């Protein structure tokens, strides 16, 4: 998951929104750490579970990485209340399915699933592009 995040980071730009979905332990935060590494964020990317959102500056001065954990949010309005500057940041939202509708026109859904038997650490990842920006992105990552 980490390496996939690093790879995706190379193609992310200001205004990009990525929504991560998957069960506990699927690798959503690990993926986001990879994105942070790929973007050269300053400091460690950690789960924003208790603070809801963390902003990570980049060493190259590029658009910030905003990492949101929507697990405890009750509605899309609560995400909107965070006043995230979607146009000028790269935003990843864990547990964000259904929370970003109406906030942006284009986003990338990443669904992560894992072996529920616990026999392996295998992850299955599905990328679903919403909008022309992401249709192009899927081709580049596949």
N, C-alpha and C. Protein backbone atom coordinates (compact mmCIF):
# COMPACT_ATOMS: atom_id res chain seq x y z
N UNK A 1 0.83 -1.19 0.00
CA UNK A 1 0.00 0.00 0.00
C UNK A 1 0.87 1.25 0.00
N UNK A 2 1.95 1.19 0.75
CA UNK A 2 2.84 2.34 0.85
C UNK A 2 3.40 2.70 -0.53
N UNK A 3 3.90 1.71 -1.24
CA UNK A 3 4.51 1.96 -2.56
C UNK A 3 3.48 2.48 -3.56
N UNK A 4 2.26 1.98 -3.50
CA UNK A 4 1.22 2.50 -4.39
C UNK A 4 0.97 3.97 -4.10
N UNK A 5 0.99 4.34 -2.82
CA UNK A 5 0.84 5.75 -2.45
C UNK A 5 1.96 6.60 -3.01
N UNK A 6 3.20 6.10 -2.92
CA UNK A 6 4.35 6.84 -3.46
C UNK A 6 4.16 7.04 -4.96
N UNK A 7 3.75 5.98 -5.67
CA UNK A 7 3.55 6.07 -7.12
C UNK A 7 2.46 7.07 -7.48
N UNK A 8 1.35 7.03 -6.77
CA UNK A 8 0.26 7.95 -7.08
C UNK A 8 0.68 9.39 -6.81
N UNK A 9 1.45 9.61 -5.75
CA UNK A 9 1.87 10.97 -5.37
C UNK A 9 2.58 11.68 -6.51
N UNK A 10 3.30 10.93 -7.32
CA UNK A 10 4.04 11.53 -8.44
C UNK A 10 3.12 12.20 -9.45
N UNK A 11 1.86 11.83 -9.43
CA UNK A 11 0.93 12.36 -10.42
C UNK A 11 -0.11 13.31 -9.82
N UNK A 12 -0.08 13.49 -8.51
CA UNK A 12 -1.07 14.35 -7.87
C UNK A 12 -0.70 15.81 -8.00
N UNK A 13 -1.73 16.65 -8.03
CA UNK A 13 -1.53 18.10 -8.14
C UNK A 13 -2.59 18.82 -7.31
N UNK A 14 -2.40 20.10 -7.15
CA UNK A 14 -3.37 20.91 -6.40
C UNK A 14 -4.77 20.71 -6.99
N UNK A 15 -5.75 20.57 -6.11
CA UNK A 15 -7.13 20.37 -6.53
C UNK A 15 -7.55 18.91 -6.56
N UNK A 16 -6.60 18.00 -6.39
CA UNK A 16 -6.93 16.57 -6.43
C UNK A 16 -7.51 16.11 -5.10
N UNK A 17 -8.56 15.31 -5.20
CA UNK A 17 -9.20 14.70 -4.04
C UNK A 17 -9.21 13.20 -4.22
N UNK A 18 -8.73 12.48 -3.22
CA UNK A 18 -8.72 11.03 -3.22
C UNK A 18 -9.52 10.56 -2.01
N UNK A 19 -10.51 9.70 -2.26
CA UNK A 19 -11.36 9.15 -1.20
C UNK A 19 -10.97 7.70 -0.99
N UNK A 20 -10.57 7.36 0.23
CA UNK A 20 -10.12 6.01 0.57
C UNK A 20 -11.20 5.27 1.35
N UNK A 21 -11.51 4.07 0.88
CA UNK A 21 -12.52 3.25 1.52
C UNK A 21 -11.95 1.86 1.78
N UNK A 22 -12.25 1.31 2.93
CA UNK A 22 -11.81 -0.04 3.25
C UNK A 22 -11.98 -0.30 4.73
N UNK A 23 -11.98 -1.56 5.13
CA UNK A 23 -12.17 -1.90 6.54
C UNK A 23 -10.98 -1.47 7.39
N UNK A 24 -11.16 -1.49 8.69
CA UNK A 24 -10.06 -1.21 9.61
C UNK A 24 -8.88 -2.13 9.28
N UNK A 25 -7.70 -1.55 9.24
CA UNK A 25 -6.51 -2.35 8.97
C UNK A 25 -6.27 -2.65 7.51
N UNK A 26 -7.05 -2.07 6.61
CA UNK A 26 -6.89 -2.35 5.18
C UNK A 26 -5.64 -1.70 4.60
N UNK A 27 -5.21 -0.59 5.19
CA UNK A 27 -4.02 0.08 4.68
C UNK A 27 -4.25 1.50 4.21
N UNK A 28 -5.35 2.11 4.64
CA UNK A 28 -5.65 3.48 4.20
C UNK A 28 -4.59 4.47 4.69
N UNK A 29 -4.23 4.38 5.95
CA UNK A 29 -3.21 5.30 6.48
C UNK A 29 -1.84 4.95 5.93
N UNK A 30 -1.54 3.69 5.75
CA UNK A 30 -0.27 3.29 5.15
C UNK A 30 -0.15 3.85 3.74
N UNK A 31 -1.23 3.78 2.98
CA UNK A 31 -1.27 4.35 1.64
C UNK A 31 -0.98 5.86 1.72
N UNK A 32 -1.64 6.54 2.65
CA UNK A 32 -1.48 7.98 2.78
C UNK A 32 -0.05 8.33 3.19
N UNK A 33 0.57 7.51 4.02
CA UNK A 33 1.99 7.74 4.36
C UNK A 33 2.86 7.66 3.11
N UNK A 34 2.52 6.73 2.22
CA UNK A 34 3.25 6.63 0.96
C UNK A 34 3.07 7.87 0.11
N UNK A 35 1.84 8.39 0.06
CA UNK A 35 1.59 9.64 -0.67
C UNK A 35 2.43 10.75 -0.05
N UNK A 36 2.44 10.82 1.27
CA UNK A 36 3.24 11.84 1.95
C UNK A 36 4.71 11.74 1.59
N UNK A 37 5.23 10.52 1.57
CA UNK A 37 6.64 10.33 1.19
C UNK A 37 6.86 10.78 -0.25
N UNK A 38 5.96 10.39 -1.14
CA UNK A 38 6.09 10.76 -2.54
C UNK A 38 6.00 12.26 -2.78
N UNK A 39 5.29 12.95 -1.90
CA UNK A 39 5.15 14.41 -2.02
C UNK A 39 6.22 15.15 -1.23
N UNK A 40 7.08 14.41 -0.53
CA UNK A 40 8.13 15.01 0.31
C UNK A 40 7.54 15.91 1.38
N UNK A 41 6.54 15.38 2.10
CA UNK A 41 5.96 16.17 3.19
C UNK A 41 6.97 16.27 4.33
N UNK A 42 6.82 17.32 5.10
CA UNK A 42 7.70 17.55 6.25
C UNK A 42 7.09 16.82 7.45
N UNK A 43 7.88 15.97 8.10
CA UNK A 43 7.39 15.24 9.26
C UNK A 43 6.65 13.97 8.86
N UNK A 44 6.16 13.29 9.87
CA UNK A 44 5.49 12.00 9.69
C UNK A 44 4.00 12.19 9.43
N UNK A 45 3.49 11.47 8.45
CA UNK A 45 2.05 11.45 8.21
C UNK A 45 1.45 10.43 9.16
N UNK A 46 0.55 10.88 10.02
CA UNK A 46 -0.09 9.98 10.98
C UNK A 46 -1.60 10.10 10.86
N UNK A 47 -2.28 9.13 11.41
CA UNK A 47 -3.74 9.11 11.31
C UNK A 47 -4.35 10.30 12.04
N UNK A 48 -5.28 11.00 11.39
CA UNK A 48 -5.94 12.13 12.03
C UNK A 48 -7.22 11.74 12.76
N UNK A 49 -7.30 10.51 13.24
CA UNK A 49 -8.54 10.00 13.83
C UNK A 49 -9.14 10.94 14.87
N UNK A 50 -8.35 11.44 15.78
CA UNK A 50 -8.90 12.25 16.87
C UNK A 50 -8.99 13.73 16.55
N UNK A 51 -8.18 14.19 15.61
CA UNK A 51 -8.23 15.61 15.25
C UNK A 51 -9.03 15.84 13.96
N UNK A 52 -9.46 14.78 13.32
CA UNK A 52 -10.25 14.77 12.09
C UNK A 52 -9.42 15.11 10.85
N UNK A 53 -8.62 16.17 10.89
CA UNK A 53 -7.83 16.55 9.71
C UNK A 53 -6.46 17.06 10.11
N UNK A 54 -5.46 16.69 9.32
CA UNK A 54 -4.10 17.18 9.50
C UNK A 54 -3.61 17.75 8.17
N UNK A 55 -2.90 18.86 8.25
CA UNK A 55 -2.30 19.46 7.07
C UNK A 55 -0.80 19.25 7.13
N UNK A 56 -0.23 18.74 6.05
CA UNK A 56 1.19 18.45 5.98
C UNK A 56 1.83 19.32 4.90
N UNK A 57 2.76 20.17 5.32
CA UNK A 57 3.49 21.00 4.36
C UNK A 57 4.53 20.15 3.65
N UNK A 58 4.95 20.64 2.50
CA UNK A 58 5.93 19.92 1.69
C UNK A 58 7.27 20.65 1.69
N UNK A 59 8.34 19.88 1.64
CA UNK A 59 9.68 20.48 1.65
C UNK A 59 9.96 21.28 0.38
N UNK A 60 9.26 20.98 -0.71
CA UNK A 60 9.48 21.71 -1.96
C UNK A 60 8.55 22.90 -2.12
N UNK A 61 7.72 23.17 -1.11
CA UNK A 61 6.81 24.31 -1.17
C UNK A 61 5.58 24.07 -2.03
N UNK A 62 5.38 22.84 -2.50
CA UNK A 62 4.22 22.51 -3.33
C UNK A 62 2.94 22.52 -2.52
N UNK A 63 1.82 22.20 -3.19
CA UNK A 63 0.54 22.21 -2.48
C UNK A 63 0.56 21.26 -1.28
N UNK A 64 -0.04 21.71 -0.19
CA UNK A 64 -0.06 20.90 1.04
C UNK A 64 -0.88 19.64 0.84
N UNK A 65 -0.58 18.64 1.66
CA UNK A 65 -1.36 17.42 1.73
C UNK A 65 -2.30 17.56 2.92
N UNK A 66 -3.60 17.46 2.67
CA UNK A 66 -4.59 17.48 3.75
C UNK A 66 -5.10 16.05 3.90
N UNK A 67 -4.93 15.49 5.10
CA UNK A 67 -5.32 14.11 5.39
C UNK A 67 -6.50 14.16 6.37
N UNK A 68 -7.64 13.66 5.92
CA UNK A 68 -8.87 13.72 6.72
C UNK A 68 -9.32 12.32 7.07
N UNK A 69 -9.77 12.13 8.30
CA UNK A 69 -10.41 10.89 8.72
C UNK A 69 -11.87 11.22 9.00
N UNK A 70 -12.75 10.82 8.10
CA UNK A 70 -14.17 11.18 8.20
C UNK A 70 -14.98 10.17 9.01
N UNK A 71 -14.31 9.21 9.64
CA UNK A 71 -15.01 8.15 10.37
C UNK A 71 -15.99 8.70 11.41
N UNK A 72 -15.62 9.74 12.11
CA UNK A 72 -16.48 10.28 13.17
C UNK A 72 -17.37 11.43 12.71
N UNK A 73 -17.31 11.77 11.44
CA UNK A 73 -18.17 12.84 10.94
C UNK A 73 -19.58 12.30 10.71
N UNK A 74 -20.56 13.12 10.98
CA UNK A 74 -21.95 12.68 10.86
C UNK A 74 -22.60 13.01 9.53
N UNK A 75 -22.01 13.95 8.78
CA UNK A 75 -22.64 14.37 7.53
C UNK A 75 -21.63 15.07 6.64
N UNK A 76 -21.93 15.19 5.35
CA UNK A 76 -21.06 15.95 4.45
C UNK A 76 -20.89 17.40 4.90
N UNK A 77 -21.90 17.95 5.55
CA UNK A 77 -21.81 19.33 6.03
C UNK A 77 -20.68 19.49 7.04
N UNK A 78 -20.44 18.45 7.85
CA UNK A 78 -19.35 18.52 8.82
C UNK A 78 -17.99 18.53 8.13
N UNK A 79 -17.87 17.81 7.01
CA UNK A 79 -16.63 17.87 6.23
C UNK A 79 -16.48 19.26 5.63
N UNK A 80 -17.55 19.81 5.11
CA UNK A 80 -17.52 21.15 4.54
C UNK A 80 -17.13 22.19 5.60
N UNK A 81 -17.57 21.98 6.84
CA UNK A 81 -17.26 22.90 7.94
C UNK A 81 -15.77 22.97 8.26
N UNK A 82 -14.99 21.98 7.80
CA UNK A 82 -13.55 22.00 8.06
C UNK A 82 -12.84 23.06 7.22
N UNK A 83 -13.55 23.65 6.27
CA UNK A 83 -13.00 24.71 5.42
C UNK A 83 -11.71 24.30 4.71
N UNK A 84 -11.70 23.12 4.16
CA UNK A 84 -10.54 22.65 3.41
C UNK A 84 -10.49 23.40 2.08
N UNK A 85 -9.33 23.87 1.73
CA UNK A 85 -9.13 24.56 0.45
C UNK A 85 -8.85 23.50 -0.61
N UNK A 86 -9.91 22.86 -1.10
CA UNK A 86 -9.76 21.77 -2.05
C UNK A 86 -9.03 22.20 -3.32
N UNK A 87 -9.22 23.44 -3.76
CA UNK A 87 -8.61 23.91 -5.00
C UNK A 87 -7.10 24.03 -4.93
N UNK A 88 -6.56 24.29 -3.75
CA UNK A 88 -5.13 24.57 -3.63
C UNK A 88 -4.36 23.53 -2.82
N UNK A 89 -5.01 22.43 -2.50
CA UNK A 89 -4.34 21.37 -1.73
C UNK A 89 -4.56 20.03 -2.42
N UNK A 90 -3.83 19.04 -1.96
CA UNK A 90 -4.05 17.65 -2.34
C UNK A 90 -4.71 17.02 -1.12
N UNK A 91 -5.92 16.51 -1.28
CA UNK A 91 -6.70 16.06 -0.14
C UNK A 91 -6.99 14.57 -0.23
N UNK A 92 -6.69 13.84 0.85
CA UNK A 92 -7.04 12.43 0.97
C UNK A 92 -8.01 12.30 2.13
N UNK A 93 -9.14 11.64 1.88
CA UNK A 93 -10.17 11.48 2.91
C UNK A 93 -10.41 9.99 3.15
N UNK A 94 -10.03 9.52 4.34
CA UNK A 94 -10.35 8.16 4.74
C UNK A 94 -11.80 8.11 5.20
N UNK A 95 -12.48 7.02 4.89
CA UNK A 95 -13.88 6.84 5.26
C UNK A 95 -14.75 7.95 4.64
N UNK A 96 -14.38 8.42 3.47
CA UNK A 96 -15.03 9.59 2.89
C UNK A 96 -16.15 9.33 1.90
N UNK A 97 -16.45 8.08 1.63
CA UNK A 97 -17.49 7.80 0.64
C UNK A 97 -18.80 8.46 1.07
N UNK A 98 -19.37 9.25 0.14
CA UNK A 98 -20.62 9.93 0.39
C UNK A 98 -20.46 11.28 1.07
N UNK A 99 -19.27 11.57 1.58
CA UNK A 99 -19.04 12.84 2.28
C UNK A 99 -18.56 13.94 1.34
N UNK A 100 -18.04 13.57 0.19
CA UNK A 100 -17.46 14.58 -0.70
C UNK A 100 -18.40 15.00 -1.82
N UNK A 101 -19.53 14.31 -1.96
CA UNK A 101 -20.49 14.65 -3.01
C UNK A 101 -20.90 16.11 -2.88
N UNK A 102 -20.80 16.84 -3.97
CA UNK A 102 -21.21 18.23 -3.97
C UNK A 102 -20.10 19.20 -3.58
N UNK A 103 -19.02 18.69 -2.99
CA UNK A 103 -17.91 19.57 -2.61
C UNK A 103 -16.95 19.80 -3.77
N UNK A 104 -16.78 18.79 -4.60
CA UNK A 104 -15.91 18.88 -5.77
C UNK A 104 -16.57 18.16 -6.94
N UNK A 105 -16.11 18.46 -8.14
CA UNK A 105 -16.68 17.84 -9.34
C UNK A 105 -15.97 16.55 -9.74
N UNK A 106 -14.70 16.43 -9.36
CA UNK A 106 -13.91 15.27 -9.77
C UNK A 106 -13.13 14.73 -8.57
N UNK A 107 -13.06 13.42 -8.47
CA UNK A 107 -12.28 12.80 -7.40
C UNK A 107 -11.95 11.37 -7.78
N UNK A 108 -11.02 10.79 -7.05
CA UNK A 108 -10.61 9.41 -7.25
C UNK A 108 -11.01 8.60 -6.03
N UNK A 109 -11.83 7.57 -6.25
CA UNK A 109 -12.16 6.62 -5.19
C UNK A 109 -11.14 5.50 -5.23
N UNK A 110 -10.59 5.17 -4.07
CA UNK A 110 -9.70 4.02 -3.96
C UNK A 110 -10.31 3.09 -2.92
N UNK A 111 -10.72 1.92 -3.37
CA UNK A 111 -11.30 0.91 -2.48
C UNK A 111 -10.22 -0.12 -2.17
N UNK A 112 -9.98 -0.33 -0.89
CA UNK A 112 -8.96 -1.28 -0.45
C UNK A 112 -9.64 -2.39 0.34
N UNK A 113 -9.34 -3.61 -0.02
CA UNK A 113 -9.87 -4.75 0.73
C UNK A 113 -8.70 -5.67 1.06
N UNK A 114 -8.87 -6.46 2.08
CA UNK A 114 -7.80 -7.37 2.49
C UNK A 114 -8.34 -8.77 2.68
N UNK A 115 -7.43 -9.70 2.80
CA UNK A 115 -7.78 -11.09 3.05
C UNK A 115 -8.41 -11.18 4.44
N UNK A 116 -9.70 -11.46 4.49
CA UNK A 116 -10.41 -11.47 5.77
C UNK A 116 -10.11 -12.71 6.62
N UNK A 117 -9.46 -13.70 6.02
CA UNK A 117 -9.11 -14.89 6.80
C UNK A 117 -7.87 -14.65 7.65
N UNK A 118 -7.10 -13.62 7.28
CA UNK A 118 -5.87 -13.34 8.01
C UNK A 118 -4.71 -14.22 7.57
N UNK A 119 -4.94 -15.06 6.57
CA UNK A 119 -3.91 -15.98 6.12
C UNK A 119 -2.78 -15.27 5.36
N UNK A 120 -3.10 -14.15 4.72
CA UNK A 120 -2.09 -13.40 3.97
C UNK A 120 -2.26 -11.91 4.23
N UNK A 121 -1.27 -11.16 3.80
CA UNK A 121 -1.33 -9.69 3.88
C UNK A 121 -1.75 -9.09 2.54
N UNK A 122 -2.32 -9.90 1.67
CA UNK A 122 -2.72 -9.46 0.34
C UNK A 122 -3.79 -8.38 0.42
N UNK A 123 -3.64 -7.36 -0.41
CA UNK A 123 -4.64 -6.30 -0.53
C UNK A 123 -5.15 -6.28 -1.96
N UNK A 124 -6.43 -6.03 -2.10
CA UNK A 124 -7.04 -5.81 -3.41
C UNK A 124 -7.42 -4.34 -3.48
N UNK A 125 -6.98 -3.67 -4.53
CA UNK A 125 -7.20 -2.23 -4.65
C UNK A 125 -7.93 -1.96 -5.95
N UNK A 126 -8.95 -1.14 -5.84
CA UNK A 126 -9.75 -0.77 -7.02
C UNK A 126 -9.76 0.76 -7.11
N UNK A 127 -9.40 1.28 -8.27
CA UNK A 127 -9.41 2.71 -8.53
C UNK A 127 -10.62 3.05 -9.38
N UNK A 128 -11.41 4.03 -8.93
CA UNK A 128 -12.61 4.44 -9.66
C UNK A 128 -12.53 5.94 -9.87
N UNK A 129 -12.31 6.34 -11.10
CA UNK A 129 -12.20 7.75 -11.42
C UNK A 129 -13.55 8.40 -11.61
N UNK A 130 -13.73 9.56 -11.05
CA UNK A 130 -14.95 10.35 -11.21
C UNK A 130 -14.55 11.68 -11.84
N UNK A 131 -14.85 11.83 -13.12
CA UNK A 131 -14.47 13.03 -13.86
C UNK A 131 -13.30 12.73 -14.79
N UNK A 132 -13.13 13.57 -15.79
CA UNK A 132 -12.13 13.33 -16.83
C UNK A 132 -10.70 13.28 -16.28
N UNK A 133 -10.38 14.07 -15.31
CA UNK A 133 -9.03 14.05 -14.72
C UNK A 133 -8.65 12.65 -14.26
N UNK A 134 -9.58 11.98 -13.64
CA UNK A 134 -9.28 10.67 -13.06
C UNK A 134 -9.38 9.54 -14.05
N UNK A 135 -10.13 9.71 -15.11
CA UNK A 135 -10.14 8.68 -16.15
C UNK A 135 -8.74 8.56 -16.74
N UNK A 136 -8.09 9.70 -16.96
CA UNK A 136 -6.72 9.70 -17.46
C UNK A 136 -5.78 9.08 -16.43
N UNK A 137 -5.97 9.38 -15.18
CA UNK A 137 -5.10 8.90 -14.11
C UNK A 137 -5.14 7.38 -14.02
N UNK A 138 -6.29 6.78 -14.16
CA UNK A 138 -6.39 5.33 -14.07
C UNK A 138 -5.50 4.65 -15.10
N UNK A 139 -5.47 5.19 -16.28
CA UNK A 139 -4.66 4.60 -17.34
C UNK A 139 -3.18 4.66 -16.97
N UNK A 140 -2.75 5.74 -16.36
CA UNK A 140 -1.34 5.92 -16.01
C UNK A 140 -0.90 4.98 -14.89
N UNK A 141 -1.78 4.67 -13.97
CA UNK A 141 -1.41 3.84 -12.82
C UNK A 141 -1.54 2.36 -13.13
N UNK A 142 -2.52 2.00 -13.95
CA UNK A 142 -2.82 0.59 -14.22
C UNK A 142 -1.63 -0.18 -14.74
